[in-house]
Amino acid sequence: GGEPFIVKNSKKFGSEMRNCAYYVANGVELKISTRFFSKKGSIYF
């Protein structure tokens, strides 16, 4: 239900990315990260 989102840097994303599909450039991978004093996690490319 949304427009494609282009990732240009190592910005972190949260739960808004649940159930989304993605494709990556050569040499890029999706990783996880914790947030300081938060129950919410994040991902980044």
PDB file of all heavy atoms in Angstrom:
ATOM      1  N   GLY A   1       0.774  -1.232   0.000  1.00  0.00           N
ATOM      2  CA  GLY A   1       0.000   0.000   0.000  1.00  0.00           C
ATOM      3  C   GLY A   1       0.806   1.283   0.000  1.00  0.00           C
ATOM      4  O   GLY A   1       0.263   2.366   0.153  1.00  0.00           O
ATOM      5  N   GLY A   2       2.112   1.191  -0.153  1.00  0.00           N
ATOM      6  CA  GLY A   2       2.948   2.390  -0.114  1.00  0.00           C
ATOM      7  C   GLY A   2       3.799   2.540  -1.363  1.00  0.00           C
ATOM      8  O   GLY A   2       3.900   1.629  -2.179  1.00  0.00           O
ATOM      9  N   GLU A   3       4.388   3.682  -1.478  1.00  0.00           N
ATOM     10  CA  GLU A   3       5.311   3.947  -2.584  1.00  0.00           C
ATOM     11  C   GLU A   3       6.662   3.279  -2.299  1.00  0.00           C
ATOM     12  O   GLU A   3       7.039   3.129  -1.131  1.00  0.00           O
ATOM     13  CB  GLU A   3       5.524   5.456  -2.725  1.00  0.00           C
ATOM     14  CG  GLU A   3       4.280   6.231  -3.121  1.00  0.00           C
ATOM     15  CD  GLU A   3       3.856   5.944  -4.538  1.00  0.00           C
ATOM     16  OE1 GLU A   3       4.737   5.856  -5.418  1.00  0.00           O
ATOM     17  OE2 GLU A   3       2.647   5.789  -4.770  1.00  0.00           O
ATOM     18  N   PRO A   4       7.401   2.909  -3.325  1.00  0.00           N
ATOM     19  CA  PRO A   4       8.756   2.377  -3.092  1.00  0.00           C
ATOM     20  C   PRO A   4       9.612   3.408  -2.357  1.00  0.00           C
ATOM     21  O   PRO A   4       9.492   4.606  -2.606  1.00  0.00           O
ATOM     22  CB  PRO A   4       9.287   2.133  -4.501  1.00  0.00           C
ATOM     23  CG  PRO A   4       8.081   2.015  -5.350  1.00  0.00           C
ATOM     24  CD  PRO A   4       7.046   2.912  -4.728  1.00  0.00           C
ATOM     25  N   PHE A   5      10.427   2.923  -1.428  1.00  0.00           N
ATOM     26  CA  PHE A   5      11.288   3.805  -0.641  1.00  0.00           C
ATOM     27  C   PHE A   5      12.737   3.509  -1.007  1.00  0.00           C
ATOM     28  O   PHE A   5      13.165   2.366  -0.952  1.00  0.00           O
ATOM     29  CB  PHE A   5      11.051   3.581   0.849  1.00  0.00           C
ATOM     30  CG  PHE A   5      11.849   4.498   1.716  1.00  0.00           C
ATOM     31  CD1 PHE A   5      11.455   5.806   1.911  1.00  0.00           C
ATOM     32  CD2 PHE A   5      13.016   4.055   2.314  1.00  0.00           C
ATOM     33  CE1 PHE A   5      12.199   6.664   2.697  1.00  0.00           C
ATOM     34  CE2 PHE A   5      13.769   4.899   3.108  1.00  0.00           C
ATOM     35  CZ  PHE A   5      13.359   6.206   3.296  1.00  0.00           C
ATOM     36  N   ILE A   6      13.479   4.535  -1.369  1.00  0.00           N
ATOM     37  CA  ILE A   6      14.875   4.381  -1.754  1.00  0.00           C
ATOM     38  C   ILE A   6      15.773   4.677  -0.563  1.00  0.00           C
ATOM     39  O   ILE A   6      15.652   5.727   0.070  1.00  0.00           O
ATOM     40  CB  ILE A   6      15.217   5.313  -2.935  1.00  0.00           C
ATOM     41  CG1 ILE A   6      14.397   4.896  -4.158  1.00  0.00           C
ATOM     42  CG2 ILE A   6      16.711   5.270  -3.240  1.00  0.00           C
ATOM     43  CD1 ILE A   6      14.512   5.823  -5.327  1.00  0.00           C
ATOM     44  N   VAL A   7      16.668   3.744  -0.253  1.00  0.00           N
ATOM     45  CA  VAL A   7      17.603   3.893   0.866  1.00  0.00           C
ATOM     46  C   VAL A   7      18.945   4.348   0.303  1.00  0.00           C
ATOM     47  O   VAL A   7      19.562   3.633  -0.483  1.00  0.00           O
ATOM     48  CB  VAL A   7      17.775   2.572   1.636  1.00  0.00           C
ATOM     49  CG1 VAL A   7      18.738   2.746   2.800  1.00  0.00           C
ATOM     50  CG2 VAL A   7      16.433   2.046   2.119  1.00  0.00           C
ATOM     51  N   LYS A   8      19.393   5.534   0.735  1.00  0.00           N
ATOM     52  CA  LYS A   8      20.640   6.091   0.208  1.00  0.00           C
ATOM     53  C   LYS A   8      21.792   6.046   1.202  1.00  0.00           C
ATOM     54  O   LYS A   8      22.917   6.337   0.841  1.00  0.00           O
ATOM     55  CB  LYS A   8      20.417   7.537  -0.230  1.00  0.00           C
ATOM     56  CG  LYS A   8      19.439   7.664  -1.372  1.00  0.00           C
ATOM     57  CD  LYS A   8      19.271   9.105  -1.784  1.00  0.00           C
ATOM     58  CE  LYS A   8      18.290   9.216  -2.926  1.00  0.00           C
ATOM     59  NZ  LYS A   8      18.110  10.603  -3.359  1.00  0.00           N
ATOM     60  N   ASN A   9      21.518   5.728   2.453  1.00  0.00           N
ATOM     61  CA  ASN A   9      22.573   5.728   3.473  1.00  0.00           C
ATOM     62  C   ASN A   9      22.296   4.644   4.509  1.00  0.00           C
ATOM     63  O   ASN A   9      21.450   3.789   4.290  1.00  0.00           O
ATOM     64  CB  ASN A   9      22.678   7.115   4.121  1.00  0.00           C
ATOM     65  CG  ASN A   9      21.353   7.571   4.697  1.00  0.00           C
ATOM     66  OD1 ASN A   9      20.532   6.768   5.131  1.00  0.00           O
ATOM     67  ND2 ASN A   9      21.129   8.869   4.694  1.00  0.00           N
ATOM     68  N   SER A  10      22.956   4.708   5.636  1.00  0.00           N
ATOM     69  CA  SER A  10      22.785   3.675   6.665  1.00  0.00           C
ATOM     70  C   SER A  10      21.739   4.063   7.700  1.00  0.00           C
ATOM     71  O   SER A  10      21.815   3.639   8.845  1.00  0.00           O
ATOM     72  CB  SER A  10      24.123   3.384   7.340  1.00  0.00           C
ATOM     73  OG  SER A  10      24.604   4.554   7.972  1.00  0.00           O
ATOM     74  N   LYS A  11      20.741   4.841   7.312  1.00  0.00           N
ATOM     75  CA  LYS A  11      19.647   5.220   8.213  1.00  0.00           C
ATOM     76  C   LYS A  11      18.998   3.969   8.797  1.00  0.00           C
ATOM     77  O   LYS A  11      18.841   2.961   8.115  1.00  0.00           O
ATOM     78  CB  LYS A  11      18.606   6.027   7.444  1.00  0.00           C
ATOM     79  CG  LYS A  11      17.398   6.384   8.269  1.00  0.00           C
ATOM     80  CD  LYS A  11      16.345   7.109   7.453  1.00  0.00           C
ATOM     81  CE  LYS A  11      15.125   7.316   8.329  1.00  0.00           C
ATOM     82  NZ  LYS A  11      13.989   7.796   7.578  1.00  0.00           N
ATOM     83  N   LYS A  12      18.607   4.045  10.060  1.00  0.00           N
ATOM     84  CA  LYS A  12      17.956   2.918  10.718  1.00  0.00           C
ATOM     85  C   LYS A  12      16.439   3.046  10.593  1.00  0.00           C
ATOM     86  O   LYS A  12      15.889   4.139  10.641  1.00  0.00           O
ATOM     87  CB  LYS A  12      18.368   2.849  12.180  1.00  0.00           C
ATOM     88  CG  LYS A  12      19.833   2.509  12.334  1.00  0.00           C
ATOM     89  CD  LYS A  12      20.229   2.352  13.768  1.00  0.00           C
ATOM     90  CE  LYS A  12      21.703   1.969  13.829  1.00  0.00           C
ATOM     91  NZ  LYS A  12      22.148   1.727  15.181  1.00  0.00           N
ATOM     92  N   PHE A  13      15.787   1.901  10.423  1.00  0.00           N
ATOM     93  CA  PHE A  13      14.338   1.835  10.299  1.00  0.00           C
ATOM     94  C   PHE A  13      13.783   0.943  11.391  1.00  0.00           C
ATOM     95  O   PHE A  13      14.468   0.060  11.889  1.00  0.00           O
ATOM     96  CB  PHE A  13      13.944   1.253   8.934  1.00  0.00           C
ATOM     97  CG  PHE A  13      14.475   2.040   7.777  1.00  0.00           C
ATOM     98  CD1 PHE A  13      15.666   1.685   7.174  1.00  0.00           C
ATOM     99  CD2 PHE A  13      13.788   3.145   7.315  1.00  0.00           C
ATOM    100  CE1 PHE A  13      16.162   2.409   6.104  1.00  0.00           C
ATOM    101  CE2 PHE A  13      14.276   3.879   6.249  1.00  0.00           C
ATOM    102  CZ  PHE A  13      15.467   3.514   5.645  1.00  0.00           C
ATOM    103  N   GLY A  14      12.516   1.141  11.720  1.00  0.00           N
ATOM    104  CA  GLY A  14      11.892   0.355  12.771  1.00  0.00           C
ATOM    105  C   GLY A  14      10.722  -0.461  12.264  1.00  0.00           C
ATOM    106  O   GLY A  14      10.715  -0.964  11.140  1.00  0.00           O
ATOM    107  N   SER A  15       9.706  -0.556  13.114  1.00  0.00           N
ATOM    108  CA  SER A  15       8.570  -1.433  12.851  1.00  0.00           C
ATOM    109  C   SER A  15       7.785  -1.067  11.601  1.00  0.00           C
ATOM    110  O   SER A  15       7.022  -1.880  11.091  1.00  0.00           O
ATOM    111  CB  SER A  15       7.641  -1.450  14.071  1.00  0.00           C
ATOM    112  OG  SER A  15       7.164  -0.147  14.336  1.00  0.00           O
ATOM    113  N   GLU A  16       7.970   0.147  11.083  1.00  0.00           N
ATOM    114  CA  GLU A  16       7.274   0.525   9.851  1.00  0.00           C
ATOM    115  C   GLU A  16       7.695  -0.352   8.669  1.00  0.00           C
ATOM    116  O   GLU A  16       7.039  -0.365   7.631  1.00  0.00           O
ATOM    117  CB  GLU A  16       7.505   2.011   9.517  1.00  0.00           C
ATOM    118  CG  GLU A  16       8.918   2.363   9.111  1.00  0.00           C
ATOM    119  CD  GLU A  16       9.887   2.654  10.260  1.00  0.00           C
ATOM    120  OE1 GLU A  16       9.553   2.379  11.427  1.00  0.00           O
ATOM    121  OE2 GLU A  16      10.976   3.141   9.967  1.00  0.00           O
ATOM    122  N   MET A  17       8.774  -1.104   8.825  1.00  0.00           N
ATOM    123  CA  MET A  17       9.267  -1.966   7.748  1.00  0.00           C
ATOM    124  C   MET A  17       8.790  -3.407   7.878  1.00  0.00           C
ATOM    125  O   MET A  17       9.155  -4.242   7.057  1.00  0.00           O
ATOM    126  CB  MET A  17      10.798  -1.946   7.708  1.00  0.00           C
ATOM    127  CG  MET A  17      11.363  -0.600   7.370  1.00  0.00           C
ATOM    128  SD  MET A  17      10.809  -0.076   5.742  1.00  0.00           S
ATOM    129  CE  MET A  17      10.799   1.683   5.938  1.00  0.00           C
ATOM    130  N   ARG A  18       7.973  -3.698   8.869  1.00  0.00           N
ATOM    131  CA  ARG A  18       7.455  -5.059   9.007  1.00  0.00           C
ATOM    132  C   ARG A  18       6.678  -5.446   7.747  1.00  0.00           C
ATOM    133  O   ARG A  18       5.921  -4.652   7.208  1.00  0.00           O
ATOM    134  CB  ARG A  18       6.517  -5.168  10.211  1.00  0.00           C
ATOM    135  CG  ARG A  18       7.205  -5.206  11.533  1.00  0.00           C
ATOM    136  CD  ARG A  18       6.223  -5.614  12.633  1.00  0.00           C
ATOM    137  NE  ARG A  18       6.595  -5.168  13.951  1.00  0.00           N
ATOM    138  CZ  ARG A  18       7.625  -5.576  14.655  1.00  0.00           C
ATOM    139  NH1 ARG A  18       8.461  -6.439  14.145  1.00  0.00           N
ATOM    140  NH2 ARG A  18       7.852  -5.117  15.856  1.00  0.00           N
ATOM    141  N   ASN A  19       6.868  -6.679   7.315  1.00  0.00           N
ATOM    142  CA  ASN A  19       6.146  -7.258   6.184  1.00  0.00           C
ATOM    143  C   ASN A  19       6.412  -6.560   4.849  1.00  0.00           C
ATOM    144  O   ASN A  19       5.599  -6.632   3.946  1.00  0.00           O
ATOM    145  CB  ASN A  19       4.640  -7.302   6.473  1.00  0.00           C
ATOM    146  CG  ASN A  19       4.340  -8.074   7.729  1.00  0.00           C
ATOM    147  OD1 ASN A  19       4.905  -9.135   7.958  1.00  0.00           O
ATOM    148  ND2 ASN A  19       3.479  -7.528   8.563  1.00  0.00           N
ATOM    149  N   CYS A  20       7.530  -5.893   4.736  1.00  0.00           N
ATOM    150  CA  CYS A  20       7.910  -5.248   3.480  1.00  0.00           C
ATOM    151  C   CYS A  20       8.885  -6.147   2.721  1.00  0.00           C
ATOM    152  O   CYS A  20       9.538  -7.002   3.300  1.00  0.00           O
ATOM    153  CB  CYS A  20       8.574  -3.898   3.748  1.00  0.00           C
ATOM    154  SG  CYS A  20       7.473  -2.676   4.502  1.00  0.00           S
ATOM    155  N   ALA A  21       8.966  -5.913   1.436  1.00  0.00           N
ATOM    156  CA  ALA A  21       9.952  -6.601   0.594  1.00  0.00           C
ATOM    157  C   ALA A  21      11.055  -5.596   0.274  1.00  0.00           C
ATOM    158  O   ALA A  21      10.847  -4.385   0.364  1.00  0.00           O
ATOM    159  CB  ALA A  21       9.295  -7.095  -0.682  1.00  0.00           C
ATOM    160  N   TYR A  22      12.217  -6.104  -0.072  1.00  0.00           N
ATOM    161  CA  TYR A  22      13.321  -5.207  -0.394  1.00  0.00           C
ATOM    162  C   TYR A  22      14.273  -5.882  -1.376  1.00  0.00           C
ATOM    163  O   TYR A  22      14.301  -7.097  -1.498  1.00  0.00           O
ATOM    164  CB  TYR A  22      14.087  -4.803   0.866  1.00  0.00           C
ATOM    165  CG  TYR A  22      14.816  -5.943   1.537  1.00  0.00           C
ATOM    166  CD1 TYR A  22      16.165  -6.180   1.273  1.00  0.00           C
ATOM    167  CD2 TYR A  22      14.167  -6.799   2.422  1.00  0.00           C
ATOM    168  CE1 TYR A  22      16.833  -7.235   1.873  1.00  0.00           C
ATOM    169  CE2 TYR A  22      14.826  -7.849   3.023  1.00  0.00           C
ATOM    170  CZ  TYR A  22      16.154  -8.057   2.750  1.00  0.00           C
ATOM    171  OH  TYR A  22      16.816  -9.108   3.334  1.00  0.00           O
ATOM    172  N   TYR A  23      15.006  -5.066  -2.100  1.00  0.00           N
ATOM    173  CA  TYR A  23      16.144  -5.569  -2.869  1.00  0.00           C
ATOM    174  C   TYR A  23      17.301  -4.613  -2.656  1.00  0.00           C
ATOM    175  O   TYR A  23      17.097  -3.445  -2.337  1.00  0.00           O
ATOM    176  CB  TYR A  23      15.829  -5.842  -4.341  1.00  0.00           C
ATOM    177  CG  TYR A  23      15.090  -4.803  -5.114  1.00  0.00           C
ATOM    178  CD1 TYR A  23      15.771  -3.826  -5.821  1.00  0.00           C
ATOM    179  CD2 TYR A  23      13.704  -4.821  -5.184  1.00  0.00           C
ATOM    180  CE1 TYR A  23      15.086  -2.891  -6.575  1.00  0.00           C
ATOM    181  CE2 TYR A  23      13.017  -3.888  -5.932  1.00  0.00           C
ATOM    182  CZ  TYR A  23      13.714  -2.921  -6.624  1.00  0.00           C
ATOM    183  OH  TYR A  23      13.032  -2.002  -7.364  1.00  0.00           O
ATOM    184  N   VAL A  24      18.499  -5.147  -2.771  1.00  0.00           N
ATOM    185  CA  VAL A  24      19.690  -4.394  -2.384  1.00  0.00           C
ATOM    186  C   VAL A  24      20.702  -4.316  -3.528  1.00  0.00           C
ATOM    187  O   VAL A  24      20.695  -5.136  -4.435  1.00  0.00           O
ATOM    188  CB  VAL A  24      20.382  -5.014  -1.150  1.00  0.00           C
ATOM    189  CG1 VAL A  24      19.494  -4.935   0.072  1.00  0.00           C
ATOM    190  CG2 VAL A  24      20.806  -6.443  -1.402  1.00  0.00           C
ATOM    191  N   ALA A  25      21.576  -3.325  -3.418  1.00  0.00           N
ATOM    192  CA  ALA A  25      22.685  -3.182  -4.355  1.00  0.00           C
ATOM    193  C   ALA A  25      23.732  -4.252  -4.073  1.00  0.00           C
ATOM    194  O   ALA A  25      23.726  -4.882  -3.007  1.00  0.00           O
ATOM    195  CB  ALA A  25      23.312  -1.795  -4.197  1.00  0.00           C
ATOM    196  N   ASN A  26      24.621  -4.451  -5.006  1.00  0.00           N
ATOM    197  CA  ASN A  26      25.733  -5.389  -4.801  1.00  0.00           C
ATOM    198  C   ASN A  26      26.543  -4.943  -3.586  1.00  0.00           C
ATOM    199  O   ASN A  26      26.853  -3.759  -3.444  1.00  0.00           O
ATOM    200  CB  ASN A  26      26.639  -5.419  -6.025  1.00  0.00           C
ATOM    201  CG  ASN A  26      25.923  -5.937  -7.248  1.00  0.00           C
ATOM    202  OD1 ASN A  26      25.051  -6.787  -7.148  1.00  0.00           O
ATOM    203  ND2 ASN A  26      26.272  -5.409  -8.404  1.00  0.00           N
ATOM    204  N   GLY A  27      26.873  -5.869  -2.721  1.00  0.00           N
ATOM    205  CA  GLY A  27      27.714  -5.559  -1.569  1.00  0.00           C
ATOM    206  C   GLY A  27      26.990  -4.947  -0.390  1.00  0.00           C
ATOM    207  O   GLY A  27      27.613  -4.408   0.521  1.00  0.00           O
ATOM    208  N   VAL A  28      25.665  -5.022  -0.359  1.00  0.00           N
ATOM    209  CA  VAL A  28      24.874  -4.453   0.739  1.00  0.00           C
ATOM    210  C   VAL A  28      24.065  -5.574   1.374  1.00  0.00           C
ATOM    211  O   VAL A  28      23.566  -6.467   0.689  1.00  0.00           O
ATOM    212  CB  VAL A  28      23.929  -3.342   0.226  1.00  0.00           C
ATOM    213  CG1 VAL A  28      23.011  -2.844   1.329  1.00  0.00           C
ATOM    214  CG2 VAL A  28      24.733  -2.190  -0.359  1.00  0.00           C
ATOM    215  N   GLU A  29      23.933  -5.530   2.701  1.00  0.00           N
ATOM    216  CA  GLU A  29      23.101  -6.511   3.383  1.00  0.00           C
ATOM    217  C   GLU A  29      22.283  -5.842   4.476  1.00  0.00           C
ATOM    218  O   GLU A  29      22.647  -4.784   4.977  1.00  0.00           O
ATOM    219  CB  GLU A  29      23.942  -7.649   3.962  1.00  0.00           C
ATOM    220  CG  GLU A  29      24.835  -7.259   5.102  1.00  0.00           C
ATOM    221  CD  GLU A  29      25.649  -8.438   5.632  1.00  0.00           C
ATOM    222  OE1 GLU A  29      25.250  -9.587   5.425  1.00  0.00           O
ATOM    223  OE2 GLU A  29      26.674  -8.187   6.248  1.00  0.00           O
ATOM    224  N   LEU A  30      21.189  -6.477   4.833  1.00  0.00           N
ATOM    225  CA  LEU A  30      20.301  -5.984   5.874  1.00  0.00           C
ATOM    226  C   LEU A  30      20.790  -6.503   7.218  1.00  0.00           C
ATOM    227  O   LEU A  30      21.046  -7.688   7.377  1.00  0.00           O
ATOM    228  CB  LEU A  30      18.873  -6.463   5.598  1.00  0.00           C
ATOM    229  CG  LEU A  30      17.771  -5.950   6.491  1.00  0.00           C
ATOM    230  CD1 LEU A  30      17.695  -4.428   6.448  1.00  0.00           C
ATOM    231  CD2 LEU A  30      16.438  -6.543   6.062  1.00  0.00           C
ATOM    232  N   LYS A  31      20.931  -5.595   8.195  1.00  0.00           N
ATOM    233  CA  LYS A  31      21.394  -5.973   9.533  1.00  0.00           C
ATOM    234  C   LYS A  31      20.437  -5.438  10.584  1.00  0.00           C
ATOM    235  O   LYS A  31      19.645  -4.542  10.318  1.00  0.00           O
ATOM    236  CB  LYS A  31      22.793  -5.421   9.788  1.00  0.00           C
ATOM    237  CG  LYS A  31      23.851  -6.063   8.921  1.00  0.00           C
ATOM    238  CD  LYS A  31      25.229  -5.666   9.367  1.00  0.00           C
ATOM    239  CE  LYS A  31      26.279  -6.415   8.553  1.00  0.00           C
ATOM    240  NZ  LYS A  31      27.616  -6.087   9.003  1.00  0.00           N
ATOM    241  N   ILE A  32      20.554  -6.000  11.788  1.00  0.00           N
ATOM    242  CA  ILE A  32      19.702  -5.553  12.894  1.00  0.00           C
ATOM    243  C   ILE A  32      20.510  -4.734  13.887  1.00  0.00           C
ATOM    244  O   ILE A  32      21.728  -4.839  13.955  1.00  0.00           O
ATOM    245  CB  ILE A  32      19.022  -6.735  13.611  1.00  0.00           C
ATOM    246  CG1 ILE A  32      20.052  -7.674  14.239  1.00  0.00           C
ATOM    247  CG2 ILE A  32      18.099  -7.475  12.673  1.00  0.00           C
ATOM    248  CD1 ILE A  32      19.445  -8.766  15.096  1.00  0.00           C
ATOM    249  N   SER A  33      19.776  -3.926  14.661  1.00  0.00           N
ATOM    250  CA  SER A  33      20.413  -3.082  15.661  1.00  0.00           C
ATOM    251  C   SER A  33      19.447  -2.868  16.820  1.00  0.00           C
ATOM    252  O   SER A  33      18.228  -2.908  16.638  1.00  0.00           O
ATOM    253  CB  SER A  33      20.778  -1.732  15.026  1.00  0.00           C
ATOM    254  OG  SER A  33      21.329  -0.866  15.979  1.00  0.00           O
ATOM    255  N   THR A  34      20.005  -2.637  17.986  1.00  0.00           N
ATOM    256  CA  THR A  34      19.180  -2.300  19.138  1.00  0.00           C
ATOM    257  C   THR A  34      19.101  -0.781  19.268  1.00  0.00           C
ATOM    258  O   THR A  34      19.892  -0.055  18.682  1.00  0.00           O
ATOM    259  CB  THR A  34      19.763  -2.883  20.435  1.00  0.00           C
ATOM    260  OG1 THR A  34      21.085  -2.381  20.620  1.00  0.00           O
ATOM    261  CG2 THR A  34      19.809  -4.395  20.382  1.00  0.00           C
ATOM    262  N   ARG A  35      18.141  -0.328  20.049  1.00  0.00           N
ATOM    263  CA  ARG A  35      18.008   1.103  20.332  1.00  0.00           C
ATOM    264  C   ARG A  35      18.301   1.317  21.809  1.00  0.00           C
ATOM    265  O   ARG A  35      17.919   0.521  22.654  1.00  0.00           O
ATOM    266  CB  ARG A  35      16.615   1.609  19.986  1.00  0.00           C
ATOM    267  CG  ARG A  35      16.336   1.536  18.504  1.00  0.00           C
ATOM    268  CD  ARG A  35      15.023   2.167  18.169  1.00  0.00           C
ATOM    269  NE  ARG A  35      14.774   2.025  16.726  1.00  0.00           N
ATOM    270  CZ  ARG A  35      13.721   2.497  16.128  1.00  0.00           C
ATOM    271  NH1 ARG A  35      12.807   3.156  16.804  1.00  0.00           N
ATOM    272  NH2 ARG A  35      13.555   2.328  14.836  1.00  0.00           N
ATOM    273  N   PHE A  36      18.953   2.402  22.107  1.00  0.00           N
ATOM    274  CA  PHE A  36      19.374   2.711  23.469  1.00  0.00           C
ATOM    275  C   PHE A  36      18.164   2.905  24.382  1.00  0.00           C
ATOM    276  O   PHE A  36      17.291   3.723  24.097  1.00  0.00           O
ATOM    277  CB  PHE A  36      20.244   3.967  23.460  1.00  0.00           C
ATOM    278  CG  PHE A  36      20.870   4.280  24.783  1.00  0.00           C
ATOM    279  CD1 PHE A  36      21.872   3.482  25.287  1.00  0.00           C
ATOM    280  CD2 PHE A  36      20.446   5.364  25.525  1.00  0.00           C
ATOM    281  CE1 PHE A  36      22.464   3.759  26.504  1.00  0.00           C
ATOM    282  CE2 PHE A  36      21.021   5.651  26.746  1.00  0.00           C
ATOM    283  CZ  PHE A  36      22.041   4.847  27.235  1.00  0.00           C
ATOM    284  N   PHE A  37      18.086   2.134  25.458  1.00  0.00           N
ATOM    285  CA  PHE A  37      17.009   2.184  26.450  1.00  0.00           C
ATOM    286  C   PHE A  37      15.633   2.152  25.802  1.00  0.00           C
ATOM    287  O   PHE A  37      14.763   2.961  26.111  1.00  0.00           O
ATOM    288  CB  PHE A  37      17.146   3.413  27.364  1.00  0.00           C
ATOM    289  CG  PHE A  37      17.950   3.123  28.595  1.00  0.00           C
ATOM    290  CD1 PHE A  37      19.263   3.516  28.691  1.00  0.00           C
ATOM    291  CD2 PHE A  37      17.401   2.426  29.652  1.00  0.00           C
ATOM    292  CE1 PHE A  37      20.016   3.235  29.815  1.00  0.00           C
ATOM    293  CE2 PHE A  37      18.136   2.135  30.785  1.00  0.00           C
ATOM    294  CZ  PHE A  37      19.448   2.549  30.870  1.00  0.00           C
ATOM    295  N   SER A  38      15.423   1.204  24.882  1.00  0.00           N
ATOM    296  CA  SER A  38      14.141   1.055  24.203  1.00  0.00           C
ATOM    297  C   SER A  38      13.855  -0.417  23.966  1.00  0.00           C
ATOM    298  O   SER A  38      14.773  -1.211  23.791  1.00  0.00           O
ATOM    299  CB  SER A  38      14.166   1.791  22.864  1.00  0.00           C
ATOM    300  OG  SER A  38      12.979   1.538  22.144  1.00  0.00           O
ATOM    301  N   LYS A  39      12.566  -0.766  23.952  1.00  0.00           N
ATOM    302  CA  LYS A  39      12.157  -2.126  23.613  1.00  0.00           C
ATOM    303  C   LYS A  39      12.118  -2.327  22.106  1.00  0.00           C
ATOM    304  O   LYS A  39      12.026  -3.435  21.622  1.00  0.00           O
ATOM    305  CB  LYS A  39      10.757  -2.404  24.165  1.00  0.00           C
ATOM    306  CG  LYS A  39      10.667  -2.432  25.660  1.00  0.00           C
ATOM    307  CD  LYS A  39       9.230  -2.691  26.078  1.00  0.00           C
ATOM    308  CE  LYS A  39       9.085  -2.662  27.573  1.00  0.00           C
ATOM    309  NZ  LYS A  39       7.702  -2.897  27.994  1.00  0.00           N
ATOM    310  N   LYS A  40      12.151  -1.249  21.360  1.00  0.00           N
ATOM    311  CA  LYS A  40      12.037  -1.307  19.907  1.00  0.00           C
ATOM    312  C   LYS A  40      13.394  -1.567  19.256  1.00  0.00           C
ATOM    313  O   LYS A  40      14.391  -0.981  19.635  1.00  0.00           O
ATOM    314  CB  LYS A  40      11.465   0.000  19.359  1.00  0.00           C
ATOM    315  CG  LYS A  40      10.109   0.356  19.921  1.00  0.00           C
ATOM    316  CD  LYS A  40       9.077  -0.628  19.442  1.00  0.00           C
ATOM    317  CE  LYS A  40       7.702  -0.262  19.963  1.00  0.00           C
ATOM    318  NZ  LYS A  40       6.702  -1.212  19.574  1.00  0.00           N
ATOM    319  N   GLY A  41      13.395  -2.425  18.273  1.00  0.00           N
ATOM    320  CA  GLY A  41      14.612  -2.709  17.534  1.00  0.00           C
ATOM    321  C   GLY A  41      14.628  -1.936  16.231  1.00  0.00           C
ATOM    322  O   GLY A  41      13.672  -1.241  15.894  1.00  0.00           O
ATOM    323  N   SER A  42      15.707  -2.073  15.495  1.00  0.00           N
ATOM    324  CA  SER A  42      15.790  -1.408  14.204  1.00  0.00           C
ATOM    325  C   SER A  42      16.617  -2.239  13.235  1.00  0.00           C
ATOM    326  O   SER A  42      17.318  -3.171  13.630  1.00  0.00           O
ATOM    327  CB  SER A  42      16.363   0.001  14.343  1.00  0.00           C
ATOM    328  OG  SER A  42      17.641  -0.038  14.922  1.00  0.00           O
ATOM    329  N   ILE A  43      16.492  -1.890  11.976  1.00  0.00           N
ATOM    330  CA  ILE A  43      17.255  -2.528  10.902  1.00  0.00           C
ATOM    331  C   ILE A  43      17.963  -1.444  10.109  1.00  0.00           C
ATOM    332  O   ILE A  43      17.566  -0.283  10.148  1.00  0.00           O
ATOM    333  CB  ILE A  43      16.346  -3.358   9.973  1.00  0.00           C
ATOM    334  CG1 ILE A  43      15.270  -2.451   9.365  1.00  0.00           C
ATOM    335  CG2 ILE A  43      15.730  -4.535  10.705  1.00  0.00           C
ATOM    336  CD1 ILE A  43      14.625  -3.003   8.146  1.00  0.00           C
ATOM    337  N   TYR A  44      19.015  -1.835   9.391  1.00  0.00           N
ATOM    338  CA  TYR A  44      19.687  -0.900   8.506  1.00  0.00           C
ATOM    339  C   TYR A  44      20.402  -1.678   7.409  1.00  0.00           C
ATOM    340  O   TYR A  44      20.652  -2.875   7.548  1.00  0.00           O
ATOM    341  CB  TYR A  44      20.662   0.011   9.274  1.00  0.00           C
ATOM    342  CG  TYR A  44      21.816  -0.722   9.918  1.00  0.00           C
ATOM    343  CD1 TYR A  44      23.058  -0.745   9.306  1.00  0.00           C
ATOM    344  CD2 TYR A  44      21.673  -1.381  11.128  1.00  0.00           C
ATOM    345  CE1 TYR A  44      24.119  -1.423   9.882  1.00  0.00           C
ATOM    346  CE2 TYR A  44      22.716  -2.053  11.724  1.00  0.00           C
ATOM    347  CZ  TYR A  44      23.940  -2.063  11.096  1.00  0.00           C
ATOM    348  OH  TYR A  44      24.988  -2.735  11.669  1.00  0.00           O
ATOM    349  N   PHE A  45      20.689  -0.971   6.321  1.00  0.00           N
ATOM    350  CA  PHE A  45      21.366  -1.585   5.184  1.00  0.00           C
ATOM    351  C   PHE A  45      22.840  -1.223   5.257  1.00  0.00           C
ATOM    352  O   PHE A  45      23.205  -0.065   5.192  1.00  0.00           O
ATOM    353  CB  PHE A  45      20.742  -1.111   3.873  1.00  0.00           C
ATOM    354  CG  PHE A  45      19.345  -1.632   3.698  1.00  0.00           C
ATOM    355  CD1 PHE A  45      18.249  -0.934   4.187  1.00  0.00           C
ATOM    356  CD2 PHE A  45      19.124  -2.855   3.091  1.00  0.00           C
ATOM    357  CE1 PHE A  45      16.965  -1.426   4.043  1.00  0.00           C
ATOM    358  CE2 PHE A  45      17.836  -3.355   2.939  1.00  0.00           C
ATOM    359  CZ  PHE A  45      16.752  -2.635   3.426  1.00  0.00           C
TER     360      PHE A  45
END
